[in-house]
Amino acid sequence: MRRTGIVRDNRYLEHKTGVHHIEIPQRLETIYKTIDHSELHKSLIPIAPRLASLEEIEWVHTPDYIEKILDTADEPIRYLDPDTVTSEKTCEAAFLAAGGVFEAVEQIVTGTLDNGFALVRPPGHHAERNRQMGFCIFNNVALAAEYARRRHGLERILIIDWDLHHANGTQHIFDRDPGVLLFSSHRFPFFPGTGDFAETGSGPGEGFTINVPMPAQQDDSDFLALYERLLVPVALEFNPQLVLVSAGFDTHYDDPIGGMKVTEQGYAGLTEIILGIADQTCEGKMLALIEGGYDLGAMRKSAAAVLETLLLGSVPEHLRKKTPPKLRASSPTPDIIKKVKETHGPFWKSLDNV
């Protein structure tokens, strides 16, 4: 069993978005209850969150934008944009989400824990330096990367985003940064409209953004093939010192907005692949952060599958399919692999043999 930590706190549930919103407290609450009423609670190690400081949030976000979020404190409800809502406790929850992620990175990087899962909200991967977007307030995964670099001097960090939606905020924050490799698989064209193959980073960061745009209706076999064929070789060549995962569960087949067909077994398989990368490069140091996912049953089952895999270091037997999933004859995955290889071959020698 690996030493797997979880960040959780009931204050994350105090971020209220209204009765008609889909990013609701129950998304986390159902995962918390699943942990408490299963064998998971005996093995998972709690990580107590803290409030991030203003200085820490400014590593990623502009002072004016942070002030905008501070101004929402104790206000009943405010629509920052048509999708992103704050309430009385949203500001506190956002600072606590970032601080919880910092505590997880601290314990993983220093070796107190092997890996972890930050079960926090508001989510973060759409948040830009100077604005909220797509339910997201502070970009938690970008802040995690900055914490590891500024507090511990890490020079190479891999961020993987398997959420349904493109990681626009994370991409733009590290667009010119060769110290962060971003691999984002996502439905395209779809919200937020970014994430095409040609978006590869700029200046010194060119080649360090790998976008894998996918049509709807892709399943476990598609995702696993893309990660095995594309992510693994490039990640091993990059040789990260820490692996971060923006783990959205809105590609699950039960998700009301996703249009994808991933199962909880698929998420366990992706976790196993990523743990394999972490094991070969950085002593298994990996932190997942929850992002999207809007069906409560899918959230519950998928988070449990990821947690079990983090604990065991491999897919648990009850989630392991008897025969590996095979690509459908009509799958677009071979063409996607070819296009990513053509786009990124000049940057990554490891793709020569893909």
Protein backbone atom coordinates (compact mmCIF):
# COMPACT_ATOMS: atom_id res chain seq x y z
CA MET A 1 0.00 0.00 0.00
CA ARG A 2 1.25 3.46 -0.85
CA ARG A 3 0.96 6.42 1.46
CA THR A 4 -1.91 8.27 -0.21
CA GLY A 5 -3.20 11.52 1.24
CA ILE A 6 -6.47 13.33 0.64
CA VAL A 7 -7.29 16.99 1.06
CA ARG A 8 -10.87 17.41 2.24
CA ASP A 9 -12.72 19.96 4.34
CA ASN A 10 -16.38 20.74 4.79
CA ARG A 11 -15.62 24.40 4.16
CA TYR A 12 -15.29 23.51 0.47
CA LEU A 13 -18.99 22.69 0.58
CA GLU A 14 -19.76 26.27 1.62
CA HIS A 15 -19.03 27.53 -1.87
CA LYS A 16 -22.65 27.87 -3.03
CA THR A 17 -23.57 28.34 -6.68
CA GLY A 18 -27.38 28.28 -6.60
CA VAL A 19 -30.07 25.69 -7.28
CA HIS A 20 -29.78 25.81 -11.07
CA HIS A 21 -25.99 25.45 -11.26
CA ILE A 22 -24.28 22.12 -11.97
CA GLU A 23 -21.06 22.77 -10.01
CA ILE A 24 -22.64 22.10 -6.62
CA PRO A 25 -21.34 21.11 -3.15
CA GLN A 26 -22.82 17.63 -3.50
CA ARG A 27 -20.12 16.84 -6.06
CA LEU A 28 -17.60 16.66 -3.22
CA GLU A 29 -20.02 15.61 -0.54
CA THR A 30 -20.83 12.35 -2.34
CA ILE A 31 -17.10 11.52 -2.58
CA TYR A 32 -16.55 12.33 1.10
CA LYS A 33 -19.44 10.01 2.07
CA THR A 34 -18.11 7.25 -0.16
CA ILE A 35 -14.74 7.41 1.58
CA ASP A 36 -16.33 7.44 5.03
CA HIS A 37 -18.59 4.45 4.32
CA SER A 38 -15.99 2.23 2.65
CA GLU A 39 -12.68 0.64 3.49
CA LEU A 40 -10.92 3.64 1.94
CA HIS A 41 -11.11 5.67 5.15
CA LYS A 42 -8.84 3.14 6.89
CA SER A 43 -5.99 3.69 4.45
CA LEU A 44 -6.19 7.29 3.23
CA ILE A 45 -4.16 9.84 5.16
CA PRO A 46 -5.91 13.18 5.79
CA ILE A 47 -4.12 16.37 4.76
CA ALA A 48 -5.31 19.42 6.70
CA PRO A 49 -5.70 22.41 4.38
CA ARG A 50 -4.71 25.96 5.21
CA LEU A 51 -5.51 29.33 3.73
CA ALA A 52 -3.11 30.36 0.99
CA SER A 53 -1.49 33.74 1.44
CA LEU A 54 -1.98 36.69 -0.88
CA GLU A 55 1.68 36.44 -1.86
CA GLU A 56 1.23 32.80 -2.88
CA ILE A 57 -1.86 33.48 -4.99
CA GLU A 58 0.05 36.29 -6.72
CA TRP A 59 2.48 33.70 -8.07
CA VAL A 60 -0.21 32.98 -10.67
CA HIS A 61 -2.91 35.68 -10.50
CA THR A 62 -2.81 39.45 -10.82
CA PRO A 63 -3.41 41.66 -7.75
CA ASP A 64 -6.45 43.28 -9.37
CA TYR A 65 -8.06 39.93 -9.99
CA ILE A 66 -7.36 38.72 -6.45
CA GLU A 67 -8.92 41.93 -5.13
CA LYS A 68 -11.99 41.20 -7.24
CA ILE A 69 -12.36 37.82 -5.51
CA LEU A 70 -11.72 39.30 -2.06
CA ASP A 71 -14.49 41.79 -2.75
CA THR A 72 -17.03 38.94 -3.01
CA ALA A 73 -16.49 37.80 0.60
CA ASP A 74 -19.71 37.83 2.65
CA GLU A 75 -21.77 38.83 -0.38
CA PRO A 76 -24.79 36.49 -0.81
CA ILE A 77 -24.35 35.85 -4.52
CA ARG A 78 -22.49 37.43 -7.40
CA TYR A 79 -22.27 36.36 -11.02
CA LEU A 80 -18.69 37.08 -12.10
CA ASP A 81 -19.70 35.83 -15.55
CA PRO A 82 -22.66 33.76 -16.79
CA ASP A 83 -21.01 30.53 -15.61
CA THR A 84 -19.01 31.50 -12.53
CA VAL A 85 -20.82 32.34 -9.30
CA THR A 86 -19.61 33.33 -5.84
CA SER A 87 -21.38 33.38 -2.48
CA GLU A 88 -20.51 34.41 1.10
CA LYS A 89 -17.89 31.70 1.62
CA THR A 90 -16.53 31.29 -1.91
CA CYS A 91 -13.52 33.52 -1.27
CA GLU A 92 -12.54 31.52 1.80
CA ALA A 93 -13.05 28.22 -0.03
CA ALA A 94 -10.88 29.40 -2.94
CA PHE A 95 -8.00 30.41 -0.68
CA LEU A 96 -8.46 27.15 1.23
CA ALA A 97 -8.43 25.11 -2.00
CA ALA A 98 -5.09 26.58 -2.99
CA GLY A 99 -3.73 26.18 0.52
CA GLY A 100 -4.90 22.57 0.68
CA VAL A 101 -3.10 21.85 -2.57
CA PHE A 102 0.05 23.48 -1.19
CA GLU A 103 -0.06 21.24 1.88
CA ALA A 104 -0.44 18.18 -0.33
CA VAL A 105 2.50 19.19 -2.55
CA GLU A 106 4.60 19.85 0.57
CA GLN A 107 4.02 16.38 1.98
CA ILE A 108 4.52 14.62 -1.36
CA VAL A 109 7.67 16.48 -2.38
CA THR A 110 9.29 16.00 1.05
CA GLY A 111 8.44 12.29 1.08
CA THR A 112 5.93 12.24 3.93
CA LEU A 113 3.38 10.93 1.41
CA ASP A 114 3.82 9.07 -1.87
CA ASN A 115 0.86 10.58 -3.69
CA GLY A 116 -2.47 12.26 -3.05
CA PHE A 117 -5.81 13.53 -4.25
CA ALA A 118 -6.99 17.08 -3.53
CA LEU A 119 -10.78 16.90 -3.17
CA VAL A 120 -11.31 20.65 -3.23
CA ARG A 121 -13.49 23.30 -4.80
CA PRO A 122 -13.92 25.70 -6.49
CA PRO A 123 -12.18 23.97 -9.42
CA GLY A 124 -9.39 25.77 -11.21
CA HIS A 125 -8.04 24.79 -14.62
CA HIS A 126 -10.03 27.39 -16.61
CA ALA A 127 -8.96 30.32 -14.41
CA GLU A 128 -6.66 32.74 -16.23
CA ARG A 129 -4.13 35.05 -14.60
CA ASN A 130 -6.56 37.95 -14.57
CA ARG A 131 -10.05 36.45 -14.65
CA GLN A 132 -12.33 33.65 -13.58
CA MET A 133 -13.81 31.30 -16.13
CA GLY A 134 -15.91 28.14 -16.41
CA PHE A 135 -16.76 27.75 -12.68
CA CYS A 136 -13.07 28.27 -11.76
CA ILE A 137 -11.72 30.93 -9.37
CA PHE A 138 -8.00 30.27 -8.72
CA ASN A 139 -5.97 27.95 -10.92
CA ASN A 140 -5.16 25.32 -8.31
CA VAL A 141 -2.95 23.11 -10.47
CA ALA A 142 -0.88 26.06 -11.68
CA LEU A 143 -0.48 27.22 -8.09
CA ALA A 144 0.62 23.70 -7.11
CA ALA A 145 3.33 23.79 -9.76
CA GLU A 146 4.52 27.21 -8.61
CA TYR A 147 4.61 26.06 -4.99
CA ALA A 148 6.83 23.11 -5.91
CA ARG A 149 9.17 25.36 -7.87
CA ARG A 150 9.36 28.31 -5.50
CA ARG A 151 9.39 26.44 -2.20
CA HIS A 152 11.40 23.38 -3.25
CA GLY A 153 13.32 24.44 -6.34
CA LEU A 154 11.84 21.86 -8.71
CA GLU A 155 12.69 22.56 -12.33
CA ARG A 156 10.49 20.14 -14.31
CA ILE A 157 6.82 19.59 -13.57
CA LEU A 158 4.40 17.56 -15.66
CA ILE A 159 0.73 18.61 -15.65
CA ILE A 160 -1.77 16.18 -17.16
CA ASP A 161 -5.37 17.28 -17.71
CA TRP A 162 -7.93 14.59 -18.55
CA ASP A 163 -10.98 16.79 -17.94
CA LEU A 164 -13.58 16.99 -20.70
CA HIS A 165 -12.69 20.64 -21.29
CA HIS A 166 -9.41 22.09 -22.46
CA ALA A 167 -7.07 23.43 -19.78
CA ASN A 168 -7.02 26.95 -21.23
CA GLY A 169 -5.98 28.71 -18.02
CA THR A 170 -3.16 26.30 -17.28
CA GLN A 171 -1.97 26.49 -20.88
CA HIS A 172 -1.87 30.27 -20.97
CA ILE A 173 -0.17 30.61 -17.59
CA PHE A 174 2.72 28.36 -18.69
CA ASP A 175 2.64 29.19 -22.41
CA ARG A 176 6.26 30.41 -22.50
CA ASP A 177 7.59 28.18 -19.71
CA PRO A 178 9.77 25.14 -20.59
CA GLY A 179 9.79 24.06 -16.94
CA VAL A 180 6.16 22.90 -17.13
CA LEU A 181 5.00 20.32 -19.64
CA LEU A 182 1.22 20.35 -20.14
CA PHE A 183 -0.58 17.38 -21.70
CA SER A 184 -4.30 18.07 -22.17
CA SER A 185 -6.77 15.59 -23.68
CA HIS A 186 -10.21 17.10 -24.23
CA ARG A 187 -13.31 17.22 -26.38
CA PHE A 188 -12.91 19.58 -29.33
CA PRO A 189 -14.51 21.73 -30.62
CA PHE A 190 -16.15 22.47 -27.29
CA PHE A 191 -15.97 24.95 -24.42
CA PRO A 192 -13.74 26.97 -24.01
CA GLY A 193 -12.87 26.88 -27.71
CA THR A 194 -9.11 26.46 -27.30
CA GLY A 195 -6.87 23.42 -27.38
CA ASP A 196 -6.26 22.59 -31.03
CA PHE A 197 -3.17 20.67 -32.15
CA ALA A 198 -1.27 23.77 -33.27
CA GLU A 199 -1.31 25.35 -29.82
CA THR A 200 2.12 24.16 -28.72
CA GLY A 201 3.39 26.97 -26.51
CA SER A 202 5.44 29.97 -27.56
CA GLY A 203 8.97 31.30 -27.31
CA PRO A 204 11.05 29.21 -24.90
CA GLY A 205 7.92 27.21 -24.07
CA GLU A 206 7.29 26.02 -27.61
CA GLY A 207 6.71 22.28 -27.63
CA PHE A 208 5.87 22.12 -23.95
CA THR A 209 2.10 22.30 -24.51
CA ILE A 210 0.69 19.11 -26.01
CA ASN A 211 -2.98 19.30 -26.90
CA VAL A 212 -4.91 16.17 -27.81
CA PRO A 213 -8.29 17.33 -29.17
CA MET A 214 -10.88 14.55 -29.46
CA PRO A 215 -14.38 14.24 -30.92
CA ALA A 216 -17.28 13.14 -28.74
CA GLN A 217 -18.10 9.49 -27.94
CA GLN A 218 -14.52 8.39 -27.19
CA ASP A 219 -14.18 5.54 -24.72
CA ASP A 220 -11.66 3.85 -22.43
CA SER A 221 -9.76 2.28 -25.33
CA ASP A 222 -9.28 5.66 -27.02
CA PHE A 223 -8.05 7.44 -23.92
CA LEU A 224 -5.75 4.62 -22.82
CA ALA A 225 -4.21 4.33 -26.29
CA LEU A 226 -3.57 8.07 -26.52
CA TYR A 227 -1.95 8.14 -23.10
CA GLU A 228 0.19 5.05 -23.72
CA ARG A 229 1.31 6.11 -27.19
CA LEU A 230 1.75 9.86 -26.68
CA LEU A 231 2.01 10.82 -23.03
CA VAL A 232 4.29 8.04 -21.81
CA PRO A 233 7.22 8.52 -24.24
CA VAL A 234 7.21 12.31 -24.03
CA ALA A 235 6.83 12.33 -20.24
CA LEU A 236 9.74 9.94 -19.80
CA GLU A 237 11.86 12.11 -22.08
CA PHE A 238 10.87 15.22 -20.10
CA ASN A 239 11.74 13.40 -16.85
CA PRO A 240 9.54 15.37 -14.41
CA GLN A 241 10.31 15.84 -10.74
CA LEU A 242 6.59 15.98 -9.86
CA VAL A 243 3.43 14.90 -11.67
CA LEU A 244 0.18 16.85 -11.26
CA VAL A 245 -3.17 15.74 -12.67
CA SER A 246 -6.25 17.87 -13.30
CA ALA A 247 -8.72 15.03 -12.83
CA GLY A 248 -12.14 15.85 -14.21
CA PHE A 249 -14.79 13.14 -14.36
CA ASP A 250 -16.99 14.81 -16.98
CA THR A 251 -15.77 12.38 -19.66
CA HIS A 252 -17.68 9.63 -17.81
CA TYR A 253 -20.44 7.99 -19.82
CA ASP A 254 -23.07 9.10 -17.28
CA ASP A 255 -22.06 12.76 -17.27
CA PRO A 256 -24.94 15.02 -18.42
CA ILE A 257 -22.79 17.36 -20.53
CA GLY A 258 -19.74 15.32 -21.51
CA GLY A 259 -20.71 13.22 -24.51
CA MET A 260 -17.82 10.83 -23.82
CA LYS A 261 -17.85 7.15 -22.79
CA VAL A 262 -15.12 6.73 -20.17
CA THR A 263 -15.84 4.36 -17.28
CA GLU A 264 -14.45 4.25 -13.75
CA GLN A 265 -12.25 1.39 -14.99
CA GLY A 266 -10.89 3.80 -17.58
CA TYR A 267 -9.96 6.37 -14.94
CA ALA A 268 -8.22 3.65 -12.93
CA GLY A 269 -6.28 2.70 -16.06
CA LEU A 270 -5.24 6.30 -16.73
CA THR A 271 -4.13 6.63 -13.12
CA GLU A 272 -2.04 3.47 -13.44
CA ILE A 273 -0.34 4.82 -16.58
CA ILE A 274 0.45 8.12 -14.88
CA LEU A 275 1.71 6.39 -11.73
CA GLY A 276 4.02 4.38 -13.97
CA ILE A 277 5.49 7.61 -15.31
CA ALA A 278 5.89 9.01 -11.80
CA ASP A 279 7.51 5.79 -10.58
CA GLN A 280 10.09 5.92 -13.36
CA THR A 281 10.91 9.60 -13.02
CA CYS A 282 10.21 11.03 -9.56
CA GLU A 283 9.79 8.23 -7.04
CA GLY A 284 6.03 8.10 -7.59
CA LYS A 285 5.40 11.71 -6.58
CA MET A 286 1.95 12.46 -7.99
CA LEU A 287 -0.95 14.67 -6.95
CA ALA A 288 -4.40 14.64 -8.55
CA LEU A 289 -6.73 17.62 -8.18
CA ILE A 290 -10.44 17.35 -8.84
CA GLU A 291 -11.84 19.49 -11.65
CA GLY A 292 -15.13 18.81 -13.50
CA GLY A 293 -17.75 16.05 -13.38
CA TYR A 294 -21.46 16.60 -12.87
CA ASP A 295 -23.15 13.22 -12.33
CA LEU A 296 -23.00 12.35 -8.64
CA GLY A 297 -22.89 8.60 -9.17
CA ALA A 298 -20.11 8.93 -11.72
CA MET A 299 -18.19 11.24 -9.38
CA ARG A 300 -18.49 8.78 -6.52
CA LYS A 301 -17.42 5.70 -8.49
CA SER A 302 -14.68 7.43 -10.47
CA ALA A 303 -13.03 9.11 -7.48
CA ALA A 304 -13.06 5.82 -5.58
CA ALA A 305 -11.43 4.06 -8.55
CA VAL A 306 -8.66 6.66 -8.70
CA LEU A 307 -8.09 6.52 -4.93
CA GLU A 308 -7.89 2.74 -4.89
CA THR A 309 -5.37 2.82 -7.74
CA LEU A 310 -3.28 5.47 -5.98
CA LEU A 311 -3.21 3.32 -2.85
CA LEU A 312 -2.27 0.09 -4.63
CA GLY A 313 -0.03 1.57 -7.30
CA SER A 314 -1.99 -0.36 -9.93
CA VAL A 315 -5.58 -0.97 -11.00
CA PRO A 316 -7.37 -3.02 -8.30
CA GLU A 317 -8.45 -6.48 -9.40
CA HIS A 318 -12.18 -5.76 -9.26
CA LEU A 319 -11.70 -2.89 -11.75
CA ARG A 320 -9.34 -4.70 -14.08
CA LYS A 321 -11.02 -5.85 -17.26
CA LYS A 322 -10.37 -9.45 -18.26
CA THR A 323 -9.36 -8.40 -21.76
CA PRO A 324 -7.73 -5.07 -22.57
CA PRO A 325 -10.05 -2.69 -24.42
CA LYS A 326 -9.48 -2.62 -28.16
CA LEU A 327 -9.91 0.32 -30.47
CA ARG A 328 -13.02 0.29 -32.62
CA ALA A 329 -12.48 0.00 -36.36
CA SER A 330 -13.99 3.48 -36.72
CA SER A 331 -11.92 5.04 -33.92
CA PRO A 332 -10.28 8.37 -34.80
CA THR A 333 -7.48 7.67 -32.31
CA PRO A 334 -4.86 6.52 -34.87
CA ASP A 335 -5.36 9.75 -36.81
CA ILE A 336 -5.10 11.81 -33.61
CA ILE A 337 -1.85 10.05 -32.70
CA LYS A 338 -0.50 10.74 -36.18
CA LYS A 339 -1.42 14.42 -35.98
CA VAL A 340 0.15 14.89 -32.52
CA LYS A 341 3.28 13.12 -33.70
CA GLU A 342 3.51 15.38 -36.76
CA THR A 343 3.01 18.48 -34.61
CA HIS A 344 5.36 17.58 -31.79
CA GLY A 345 7.90 15.36 -33.51
CA PRO A 346 10.28 18.32 -33.97
CA PHE A 347 10.28 18.89 -30.19
CA TRP A 348 10.35 15.34 -28.80
CA LYS A 349 12.69 12.62 -30.14
CA SER A 350 10.73 9.98 -28.26
CA LEU A 351 7.86 10.35 -30.74
CA ASP A 352 10.05 9.05 -33.56
CA ASN A 353 9.18 5.48 -32.60
CA VAL A 354 5.46 6.05 -32.02
